[in-house]
PDB file of N, CA and C in Angstrom:
ATOM      1  N   MET A   1      40.312  -6.806  -5.544  1.00  0.00           N
ATOM      2  CA  MET A   1      39.314  -7.760  -5.982  1.00  0.00           C
ATOM      3  C   MET A   1      37.928  -7.144  -5.826  1.00  0.00           C
ATOM      4  N   GLU A   2      37.152  -7.251  -6.869  1.00  0.00           N
ATOM      5  CA  GLU A   2      35.799  -6.707  -6.862  1.00  0.00           C
ATOM      6  C   GLU A   2      34.851  -7.609  -6.074  1.00  0.00           C
ATOM      7  N   LYS A   3      34.091  -7.007  -5.175  1.00  0.00           N
ATOM      8  CA  LYS A   3      33.112  -7.777  -4.403  1.00  0.00           C
ATOM      9  C   LYS A   3      31.790  -7.823  -5.151  1.00  0.00           C
ATOM     10  N   ARG A   4      31.111  -8.962  -5.013  1.00  0.00           N
ATOM     11  CA  ARG A   4      29.794  -9.153  -5.615  1.00  0.00           C
ATOM     12  C   ARG A   4      28.896  -9.875  -4.630  1.00  0.00           C
ATOM     13  N   LEU A   5      27.610  -9.770  -4.853  1.00  0.00           N
ATOM     14  CA  LEU A   5      26.659 -10.560  -4.075  1.00  0.00           C
ATOM     15  C   LEU A   5      26.563 -11.942  -4.701  1.00  0.00           C
ATOM     16  N   GLY A   6      26.389 -12.929  -3.859  1.00  0.00           N
ATOM     17  CA  GLY A   6      26.277 -14.284  -4.372  1.00  0.00           C
ATOM     18  C   GLY A   6      25.530 -15.192  -3.422  1.00  0.00           C
ATOM     19  N   VAL A   7      25.206 -16.367  -3.938  1.00  0.00           N
ATOM     20  CA  VAL A   7      24.523 -17.392  -3.165  1.00  0.00           C
ATOM     21  C   VAL A   7      25.297 -18.692  -3.325  1.00  0.00           C
ATOM     22  N   VAL A   8      25.524 -19.369  -2.215  1.00  0.00           N
ATOM     23  CA  VAL A   8      26.169 -20.683  -2.227  1.00  0.00           C
ATOM     24  C   VAL A   8      25.146 -21.681  -1.695  1.00  0.00           C
ATOM     25  N   SER A   9      24.851 -22.699  -2.486  1.00  0.00           N
ATOM     26  CA  SER A   9      23.904 -23.746  -2.081  1.00  0.00           C
ATOM     27  C   SER A   9      24.680 -25.019  -1.784  1.00  0.00           C
ATOM     28  N   ILE A  10      24.390 -25.605  -0.639  1.00  0.00           N
ATOM     29  CA  ILE A  10      25.140 -26.772  -0.167  1.00  0.00           C
ATOM     30  C   ILE A  10      24.155 -27.863   0.232  1.00  0.00           C
ATOM     31  N   ILE A  11      24.388 -29.078  -0.253  1.00  0.00           N
ATOM     32  CA  ILE A  11      23.621 -30.243   0.192  1.00  0.00           C
ATOM     33  C   ILE A  11      24.593 -31.159   0.915  1.00  0.00           C
ATOM     34  N   VAL A  12      24.253 -31.492   2.156  1.00  0.00           N
ATOM     35  CA  VAL A  12      25.132 -32.283   3.020  1.00  0.00           C
ATOM     36  C   VAL A  12      24.447 -33.608   3.350  1.00  0.00           C
ATOM     37  N   GLU A  13      25.054 -34.715   2.940  1.00  0.00           N
ATOM     38  CA  GLU A  13      24.544 -36.037   3.312  1.00  0.00           C
ATOM     39  C   GLU A  13      24.983 -36.316   4.741  1.00  0.00           C
ATOM     40  N   ARG A  14      24.024 -36.357   5.656  1.00  0.00           N
ATOM     41  CA  ARG A  14      24.354 -36.448   7.081  1.00  0.00           C
ATOM     42  C   ARG A  14      25.100 -37.721   7.451  1.00  0.00           C
ATOM     43  N   SER A  15      24.821 -38.825   6.778  1.00  0.00           N
ATOM     44  CA  SER A  15      25.464 -40.089   7.156  1.00  0.00           C
ATOM     45  C   SER A  15      26.911 -40.162   6.689  1.00  0.00           C
ATOM     46  N   VAL A  16      27.290 -39.311   5.743  1.00  0.00           N
ATOM     47  CA  VAL A  16      28.627 -39.385   5.137  1.00  0.00           C
ATOM     48  C   VAL A  16      29.487 -38.168   5.470  1.00  0.00           C
ATOM     49  N   ALA A  17      28.887 -36.999   5.391  1.00  0.00           N
ATOM     50  CA  ALA A  17      29.648 -35.754   5.454  1.00  0.00           C
ATOM     51  C   ALA A  17      30.085 -35.401   6.868  1.00  0.00           C
ATOM     52  N   PRO A  18      31.281 -34.839   6.983  1.00  0.00           N
ATOM     53  CA  PRO A  18      31.749 -34.313   8.275  1.00  0.00           C
ATOM     54  C   PRO A  18      31.108 -32.940   8.523  1.00  0.00           C
ATOM     55  N   VAL A  19      29.949 -32.932   9.167  1.00  0.00           N
ATOM     56  CA  VAL A  19      29.170 -31.704   9.361  1.00  0.00           C
ATOM     57  C   VAL A  19      29.985 -30.642  10.092  1.00  0.00           C
ATOM     58  N   ASP A  20      30.799 -31.050  11.046  1.00  0.00           N
ATOM     59  CA  ASP A  20      31.632 -30.076  11.772  1.00  0.00           C
ATOM     60  C   ASP A  20      32.610 -29.382  10.832  1.00  0.00           C
ATOM     61  N   ASP A  21      33.139 -30.114   9.849  1.00  0.00           N
ATOM     62  CA  ASP A  21      34.062 -29.507   8.884  1.00  0.00           C
ATOM     63  C   ASP A  21      33.346 -28.473   8.015  1.00  0.00           C
ATOM     64  N   VAL A  22      32.107 -28.759   7.631  1.00  0.00           N
ATOM     65  CA  VAL A  22      31.317 -27.793   6.859  1.00  0.00           C
ATOM     66  C   VAL A  22      31.135 -26.520   7.682  1.00  0.00           C
ATOM     67  N   ASN A  23      30.734 -26.666   8.924  1.00  0.00           N
ATOM     68  CA  ASN A  23      30.533 -25.496   9.790  1.00  0.00           C
ATOM     69  C   ASN A  23      31.829 -24.734  10.030  1.00  0.00           C
ATOM     70  N   ASP A  24      32.942 -25.447  10.195  1.00  0.00           N
ATOM     71  CA  ASP A  24      34.233 -24.782  10.393  1.00  0.00           C
ATOM     72  C   ASP A  24      34.610 -23.939   9.175  1.00  0.00           C
ATOM     73  N   LEU A  25      34.392 -24.482   7.973  1.00  0.00           N
ATOM     74  CA  LEU A  25      34.708 -23.723   6.760  1.00  0.00           C
ATOM     75  C   LEU A  25      33.829 -22.480   6.645  1.00  0.00           C
ATOM     76  N   LEU A  26      32.552 -22.623   6.926  1.00  0.00           N
ATOM     77  CA  LEU A  26      31.665 -21.461   6.867  1.00  0.00           C
ATOM     78  C   LEU A  26      32.075 -20.408   7.893  1.00  0.00           C
ATOM     79  N   THR A  27      32.536 -20.837   9.048  1.00  0.00           N
ATOM     80  CA  THR A  27      33.010 -19.904  10.072  1.00  0.00           C
ATOM     81  C   THR A  27      34.256 -19.161   9.590  1.00  0.00           C
ATOM     82  N   GLN A  28      35.153 -19.850   8.885  1.00  0.00           N
ATOM     83  CA  GLN A  28      36.363 -19.213   8.356  1.00  0.00           C
ATOM     84  C   GLN A  28      36.025 -18.082   7.385  1.00  0.00           C
ATOM     85  N   PHE A  29      34.909 -18.204   6.681  1.00  0.00           N
ATOM     86  CA  PHE A  29      34.488 -17.192   5.711  1.00  0.00           C
ATOM     87  C   PHE A  29      33.396 -16.292   6.292  1.00  0.00           C
ATOM     88  N   GLY A  30      33.243 -16.307   7.608  1.00  0.00           N
ATOM     89  CA  GLY A  30      32.152 -15.612   8.282  1.00  0.00           C
ATOM     90  C   GLY A  30      32.063 -14.128   8.005  1.00  0.00           C
ATOM     91  N   ASP A  31      33.199 -13.448   7.828  1.00  0.00           N
ATOM     92  CA  ASP A  31      33.175 -12.008   7.569  1.00  0.00           C
ATOM     93  C   ASP A  31      32.560 -11.678   6.218  1.00  0.00           C
ATOM     94  N   GLU A  32      32.492 -12.666   5.333  1.00  0.00           N
ATOM     95  CA  GLU A  32      31.965 -12.438   3.988  1.00  0.00           C
ATOM     96  C   GLU A  32      30.542 -12.967   3.821  1.00  0.00           C
ATOM     97  N   ILE A  33      30.017 -13.593   4.875  1.00  0.00           N
ATOM     98  CA  ILE A  33      28.678 -14.169   4.826  1.00  0.00           C
ATOM     99  C   ILE A  33      27.673 -13.172   5.389  1.00  0.00           C
ATOM    100  N   ILE A  34      26.646 -12.864   4.593  1.00  0.00           N
ATOM    101  CA  ILE A  34      25.581 -11.959   5.028  1.00  0.00           C
ATOM    102  C   ILE A  34      24.545 -12.726   5.833  1.00  0.00           C
ATOM    103  N   GLY A  35      24.196 -13.907   5.362  1.00  0.00           N
ATOM    104  CA  GLY A  35      23.185 -14.708   6.044  1.00  0.00           C
ATOM    105  C   GLY A  35      23.285 -16.164   5.647  1.00  0.00           C
ATOM    106  N   ARG A  36      22.680 -16.998   6.479  1.00  0.00           N
ATOM    107  CA  ARG A  36      22.761 -18.441   6.268  1.00  0.00           C
ATOM    108  C   ARG A  36      21.448 -19.071   6.706  1.00  0.00           C
ATOM    109  N   LEU A  37      20.955 -20.008   5.901  1.00  0.00           N
ATOM    110  CA  LEU A  37      19.737 -20.734   6.232  1.00  0.00           C
ATOM    111  C   LEU A  37      20.016 -22.217   6.060  1.00  0.00           C
ATOM    112  N   GLY A  38      19.830 -22.971   7.121  1.00  0.00           N
ATOM    113  CA  GLY A  38      20.030 -24.416   7.067  1.00  0.00           C
ATOM    114  C   GLY A  38      18.729 -25.140   7.347  1.00  0.00           C
ATOM    115  N   LEU A  39      18.376 -26.067   6.476  1.00  0.00           N
ATOM    116  CA  LEU A  39      17.135 -26.821   6.627  1.00  0.00           C
ATOM    117  C   LEU A  39      17.426 -28.313   6.598  1.00  0.00           C
ATOM    118  N   PRO A  40      17.024 -29.034   7.636  1.00  0.00           N
ATOM    119  CA  PRO A  40      17.176 -30.487   7.599  1.00  0.00           C
ATOM    120  C   PRO A  40      16.066 -31.100   6.746  1.00  0.00           C
ATOM    121  N   HIS A  41      16.394 -32.173   6.056  1.00  0.00           N
ATOM    122  CA  HIS A  41      15.394 -32.932   5.297  1.00  0.00           C
ATOM    123  C   HIS A  41      15.550 -34.389   5.719  1.00  0.00           C
ATOM    124  N   PRO A  42      14.958 -34.747   6.870  1.00  0.00           N
ATOM    125  CA  PRO A  42      15.157 -36.083   7.441  1.00  0.00           C
ATOM    126  C   PRO A  42      14.747 -37.224   6.514  1.00  0.00           C
ATOM    127  N   ALA A  43      13.714 -37.032   5.719  1.00  0.00           N
ATOM    128  CA  ALA A  43      13.256 -38.103   4.834  1.00  0.00           C
ATOM    129  C   ALA A  43      14.321 -38.497   3.817  1.00  0.00           C
ATOM    130  N   ARG A  44      15.162 -37.561   3.443  1.00  0.00           N
ATOM    131  CA  ARG A  44      16.239 -37.845   2.483  1.00  0.00           C
ATOM    132  C   ARG A  44      17.604 -37.969   3.150  1.00  0.00           C
ATOM    133  N   GLY A  45      17.672 -37.695   4.441  1.00  0.00           N
ATOM    134  CA  GLY A  45      18.935 -37.819   5.159  1.00  0.00           C
ATOM    135  C   GLY A  45      19.953 -36.756   4.809  1.00  0.00           C
ATOM    136  N   VAL A  46      19.465 -35.565   4.450  1.00  0.00           N
ATOM    137  CA  VAL A  46      20.374 -34.484   4.076  1.00  0.00           C
ATOM    138  C   VAL A  46      20.018 -33.203   4.823  1.00  0.00           C
ATOM    139  N   ASN A  47      20.965 -32.299   4.832  1.00  0.00           N
ATOM    140  CA  ASN A  47      20.742 -30.919   5.254  1.00  0.00           C
ATOM    141  C   ASN A  47      20.972 -30.050   4.026  1.00  0.00           C
ATOM    142  N   VAL A  48      20.128 -29.051   3.834  1.00  0.00           N
ATOM    143  CA  VAL A  48      20.285 -28.109   2.733  1.00  0.00           C
ATOM    144  C   VAL A  48      20.640 -26.764   3.352  1.00  0.00           C
ATOM    145  N   ILE A  49      21.759 -26.199   2.921  1.00  0.00           N
ATOM    146  CA  ILE A  49      22.239 -24.931   3.471  1.00  0.00           C
ATOM    147  C   ILE A  49      22.344 -23.926   2.329  1.00  0.00           C
ATOM    148  N   THR A  50      21.789 -22.744   2.543  1.00  0.00           N
ATOM    149  CA  THR A  50      21.919 -21.648   1.594  1.00  0.00           C
ATOM    150  C   THR A  50      22.656 -20.513   2.299  1.00  0.00           C
ATOM    151  N   VAL A  51      23.695 -20.008   1.648  1.00  0.00           N
ATOM    152  CA  VAL A  51      24.526 -18.955   2.229  1.00  0.00           C
ATOM    153  C   VAL A  51      24.551 -17.769   1.262  1.00  0.00           C
ATOM    154  N   VAL A  52      24.253 -16.578   1.754  1.00  0.00           N
ATOM    155  CA  VAL A  52      24.344 -15.358   0.954  1.00  0.00           C
ATOM    156  C   VAL A  52      25.659 -14.680   1.312  1.00  0.00           C
ATOM    157  N   VAL A  53      26.452 -14.352   0.286  1.00  0.00           N
ATOM    158  CA  VAL A  53      27.781 -13.786   0.512  1.00  0.00           C
ATOM    159  C   VAL A  53      27.926 -12.436  -0.186  1.00  0.00           C
ATOM    160  N   ASP A  54      28.847 -11.635   0.316  1.00  0.00           N
ATOM    161  CA  ASP A  54      29.260 -10.380  -0.310  1.00  0.00           C
ATOM    162  C   ASP A  54      30.779 -10.430  -0.342  1.00  0.00           C
ATOM    163  N   THR A  55      31.319 -10.921  -1.448  1.00  0.00           N
ATOM    164  CA  THR A  55      32.753 -11.178  -1.526  1.00  0.00           C
ATOM    165  C   THR A  55      33.185 -11.265  -2.987  1.00  0.00           C
ATOM    166  N   SER A  56      34.428 -11.578  -3.209  1.00  0.00           N
ATOM    167  CA  SER A  56      34.950 -11.693  -4.570  1.00  0.00           C
ATOM    168  C   SER A  56      34.683 -13.088  -5.137  1.00  0.00           C
ATOM    169  N   VAL A  57      34.732 -13.170  -6.449  1.00  0.00           N
ATOM    170  CA  VAL A  57      34.564 -14.457  -7.127  1.00  0.00           C
ATOM    171  C   VAL A  57      35.656 -15.427  -6.671  1.00  0.00           C
ATOM    172  N   GLU A  58      36.854 -14.919  -6.473  1.00  0.00           N
ATOM    173  CA  GLU A  58      37.972 -15.770  -6.046  1.00  0.00           C
ATOM    174  C   GLU A  58      37.720 -16.387  -4.674  1.00  0.00           C
ATOM    175  N   ARG A  59      37.164 -15.597  -3.768  1.00  0.00           N
ATOM    176  CA  ARG A  59      36.893 -16.121  -2.419  1.00  0.00           C
ATOM    177  C   ARG A  59      35.759 -17.142  -2.434  1.00  0.00           C
ATOM    178  N   VAL A  60      34.739 -16.915  -3.253  1.00  0.00           N
ATOM    179  CA  VAL A  60      33.664 -17.904  -3.371  1.00  0.00           C
ATOM    180  C   VAL A  60      34.219 -19.195  -3.959  1.00  0.00           C
ATOM    181  N   SER A  61      35.100 -19.076  -4.937  1.00  0.00           N
ATOM    182  CA  SER A  61      35.730 -20.265  -5.518  1.00  0.00           C
ATOM    183  C   SER A  61      36.541 -21.018  -4.473  1.00  0.00           C
ATOM    184  N   ALA A  62      37.229 -20.287  -3.611  1.00  0.00           N
ATOM    185  CA  ALA A  62      38.006 -20.935  -2.547  1.00  0.00           C
ATOM    186  C   ALA A  62      37.085 -21.687  -1.592  1.00  0.00           C
ATOM    187  N   LEU A  63      35.983 -21.058  -1.201  1.00  0.00           N
ATOM    188  CA  LEU A  63      35.034 -21.701  -0.292  1.00  0.00           C
ATOM    189  C   LEU A  63      34.400 -22.925  -0.937  1.00  0.00           C
ATOM    190  N   THR A  64      33.877 -22.769  -2.143  1.00  0.00           N
ATOM    191  CA  THR A  64      33.204 -23.899  -2.785  1.00  0.00           C
ATOM    192  C   THR A  64      34.178 -25.024  -3.111  1.00  0.00           C
ATOM    193  N   GLY A  65      35.413 -24.681  -3.433  1.00  0.00           N
ATOM    194  CA  GLY A  65      36.416 -25.713  -3.689  1.00  0.00           C
ATOM    195  C   GLY A  65      36.702 -26.548  -2.457  1.00  0.00           C
ATOM    196  N   LYS A  66      36.844 -25.880  -1.316  1.00  0.00           N
ATOM    197  CA  LYS A  66      37.105 -26.603  -0.062  1.00  0.00           C
ATOM    198  C   LYS A  66      35.900 -27.436   0.355  1.00  0.00           C
ATOM    199  N   LEU A  67      34.697 -26.868   0.227  1.00  0.00           N
ATOM    200  CA  LEU A  67      33.492 -27.624   0.579  1.00  0.00           C
ATOM    201  C   LEU A  67      33.312 -28.826  -0.341  1.00  0.00           C
ATOM    202  N   GLY A  68      33.562 -28.630  -1.625  1.00  0.00           N
ATOM    203  CA  GLY A  68      33.372 -29.696  -2.606  1.00  0.00           C
ATOM    204  C   GLY A  68      34.302 -30.878  -2.431  1.00  0.00           C
ATOM    205  N   LYS A  69      35.401 -30.681  -1.733  1.00  0.00           N
ATOM    206  CA  LYS A  69      36.342 -31.781  -1.475  1.00  0.00           C
ATOM    207  C   LYS A  69      35.908 -32.664  -0.311  1.00  0.00           C
ATOM    208  N   LEU A  70      34.950 -32.186   0.480  1.00  0.00           N
ATOM    209  CA  LEU A  70      34.484 -32.975   1.622  1.00  0.00           C
ATOM    210  C   LEU A  70      33.564 -34.092   1.131  1.00  0.00           C
ATOM    211  N   PRO A  71      33.695 -35.289   1.703  1.00  0.00           N
ATOM    212  CA  PRO A  71      32.822 -36.390   1.285  1.00  0.00           C
ATOM    213  C   PRO A  71      31.369 -36.106   1.649  1.00  0.00           C
ATOM    214  N   GLY A  72      30.460 -36.438   0.730  1.00  0.00           N
ATOM    215  CA  GLY A  72      29.042 -36.266   1.000  1.00  0.00           C
ATOM    216  C   GLY A  72      28.539 -34.843   0.904  1.00  0.00           C
ATOM    217  N   VAL A  73      29.342 -33.944   0.324  1.00  0.00           N
ATOM    218  CA  VAL A  73      28.945 -32.540   0.193  1.00  0.00           C
ATOM    219  C   VAL A  73      28.881 -32.174  -1.286  1.00  0.00           C
ATOM    220  N   GLN A  74      27.752 -31.606  -1.689  1.00  0.00           N
ATOM    221  CA  GLN A  74      27.594 -31.054  -3.034  1.00  0.00           C
ATOM    222  C   GLN A  74      27.414 -29.554  -2.887  1.00  0.00           C
ATOM    223  N   VAL A  75      28.046 -28.781  -3.745  1.00  0.00           N
ATOM    224  CA  VAL A  75      27.992 -27.323  -3.597  1.00  0.00           C
ATOM    225  C   VAL A  75      27.969 -26.661  -4.970  1.00  0.00           C
ATOM    226  N   ARG A  76      27.187 -25.588  -5.067  1.00  0.00           N
ATOM    227  CA  ARG A  76      27.120 -24.764  -6.270  1.00  0.00           C
ATOM    228  C   ARG A  76      27.023 -23.312  -5.832  1.00  0.00           C
ATOM    229  N   SER A  77      27.481 -22.409  -6.710  1.00  0.00           N
ATOM    230  CA  SER A  77      27.400 -20.987  -6.375  1.00  0.00           C
ATOM    231  C   SER A  77      26.863 -20.194  -7.556  1.00  0.00           C
ATOM    232  N   LEU A  78      26.322 -19.039  -7.238  1.00  0.00           N
ATOM    233  CA  LEU A  78      25.807 -18.106  -8.229  1.00  0.00           C
ATOM    234  C   LEU A  78      26.209 -16.712  -7.771  1.00  0.00           C
ATOM    235  N   MET A  79      26.844 -15.953  -8.659  1.00  0.00           N
ATOM    236  CA  MET A  79      27.298 -14.604  -8.318  1.00  0.00           C
ATOM    237  C   MET A  79      26.608 -13.581  -9.211  1.00  0.00           C
ATOM    238  N   SER A  80      26.370 -12.381  -8.656  1.00  0.00           N
ATOM    239  CA  SER A  80      25.790 -11.297  -9.450  1.00  0.00           C
ATOM    240  C   SER A  80      26.794 -10.861 -10.509  1.00  0.00           C
ATOM    241  N   ARG A  81      26.284 -10.266 -11.555  1.00  0.00           N
ATOM    242  CA  ARG A  81      27.162  -9.798 -12.634  1.00  0.00           C
ATOM    243  C   ARG A  81      27.834  -8.480 -12.305  1.00  0.00           C
ATOM    244  N   THR A  82      27.229  -7.701 -11.425  1.00  0.00           N
ATOM    245  CA  THR A  82      27.783  -6.387 -11.097  1.00  0.00           C
ATOM    246  C   THR A  82      28.099  -6.299  -9.618  1.00  0.00           C
ATOM    247  N   ALA A  83      29.018  -5.443  -9.308  1.00  0.00           N
ATOM    248  CA  ALA A  83      29.378  -5.207  -7.912  1.00  0.00           C
ATOM    249  C   ALA A  83      28.247  -4.448  -7.227  1.00  0.00           C
ATOM    250  N   PRO A  84      28.050  -4.664  -5.918  1.00  0.00           N
ATOM    251  CA  PRO A  84      27.024  -3.917  -5.195  1.00  0.00           C
ATOM    252  C   PRO A  84      27.247  -2.417  -5.334  1.00  0.00           C
ATOM    253  N   GLY A  85      26.181  -1.689  -5.590  1.00  0.00           N
ATOM    254  CA  GLY A  85      26.280  -0.246  -5.741  1.00  0.00           C
ATOM    255  C   GLY A  85      26.583   0.203  -7.153  1.00  0.00           C
ATOM    256  N   ALA A  86      27.000  -0.728  -8.017  1.00  0.00           N
ATOM    257  CA  ALA A  86      27.275  -0.374  -9.405  1.00  0.00           C
ATOM    258  C   ALA A  86      25.946  -0.166 -10.125  1.00  0.00           C
ATOM    259  N   PRO A  87      25.916   0.737 -11.082  1.00  0.00           N
ATOM    260  CA  PRO A  87      24.656   0.955 -11.797  1.00  0.00           C
ATOM    261  C   PRO A  87      24.263  -0.286 -12.588  1.00  0.00           C
ATOM    262  N   LEU A  88      22.979  -0.580 -12.568  1.00  0.00           N
ATOM    263  CA  LEU A  88      22.478  -1.712 -13.326  1.00  0.00           C
ATOM    264  C   LEU A  88      22.293  -1.302 -14.778  1.00  0.00           C
ATOM    265  N   ALA A  89      22.385  -2.256 -15.661  1.00  0.00           N
ATOM    266  CA  ALA A  89      22.174  -1.978 -17.075  1.00  0.00           C
ATOM    267  C   ALA A  89      20.727  -1.547 -17.282  1.00  0.00           C
ATOM    268  N   THR A  90      20.530  -0.536 -18.094  1.00  0.00           N
ATOM    269  CA  THR A  90      19.173  -0.085 -18.389  1.00  0.00           C
ATOM    270  C   THR A  90      18.763  -0.626 -19.746  1.00  0.00           C
ATOM    271  N   PRO A  91      17.487  -0.980 -19.892  1.00  0.00           N
ATOM    272  CA  PRO A  91      17.049  -1.497 -21.186  1.00  0.00           C
ATOM    273  C   PRO A  91      17.120  -0.404 -22.240  1.00  0.00           C
ATOM    274  N   PRO A  92      17.399  -0.779 -23.472  1.00  0.00           N
ATOM    275  CA  PRO A  92      17.485   0.232 -24.535  1.00  0.00           C
ATOM    276  C   PRO A  92      16.115   0.858 -24.804  1.00  0.00           C
ATOM    277  N   ASP A  93      16.131   2.120 -25.234  1.00  0.00           N
ATOM    278  CA  ASP A  93      14.884   2.796 -25.604  1.00  0.00           C
ATOM    279  C   ASP A  93      14.347   2.178 -26.877  1.00  0.00           C
ATOM    280  N   ASP A  94      13.033   2.056 -26.935  1.00  0.00           N
ATOM    281  CA  ASP A  94      12.406   1.502 -28.154  1.00  0.00           C
ATOM    282  C   ASP A  94      12.283   2.537 -29.230  1.00  0.00           C
TER     283      ASP A  94
END
């Protein structure tokens, strides 16, 4: 499986979502997580979590699928088009 860089954005409704379950899932994928930033937004009653990953599309799908099944959790992901270290496309000569 080809690894790619990606970002997973998670919005957690604190009054509804099982926050411990969210953290447990992120821990299960810990070897593939480069960094994580969690910000509380008390005025809206949510936590916003951004996770940077270096993993396969299949593994990100597994993570987002499990997170998306939790009540009060919204999740989206974005993956790079190329694997890390792969040459980037160069613009054509004019």
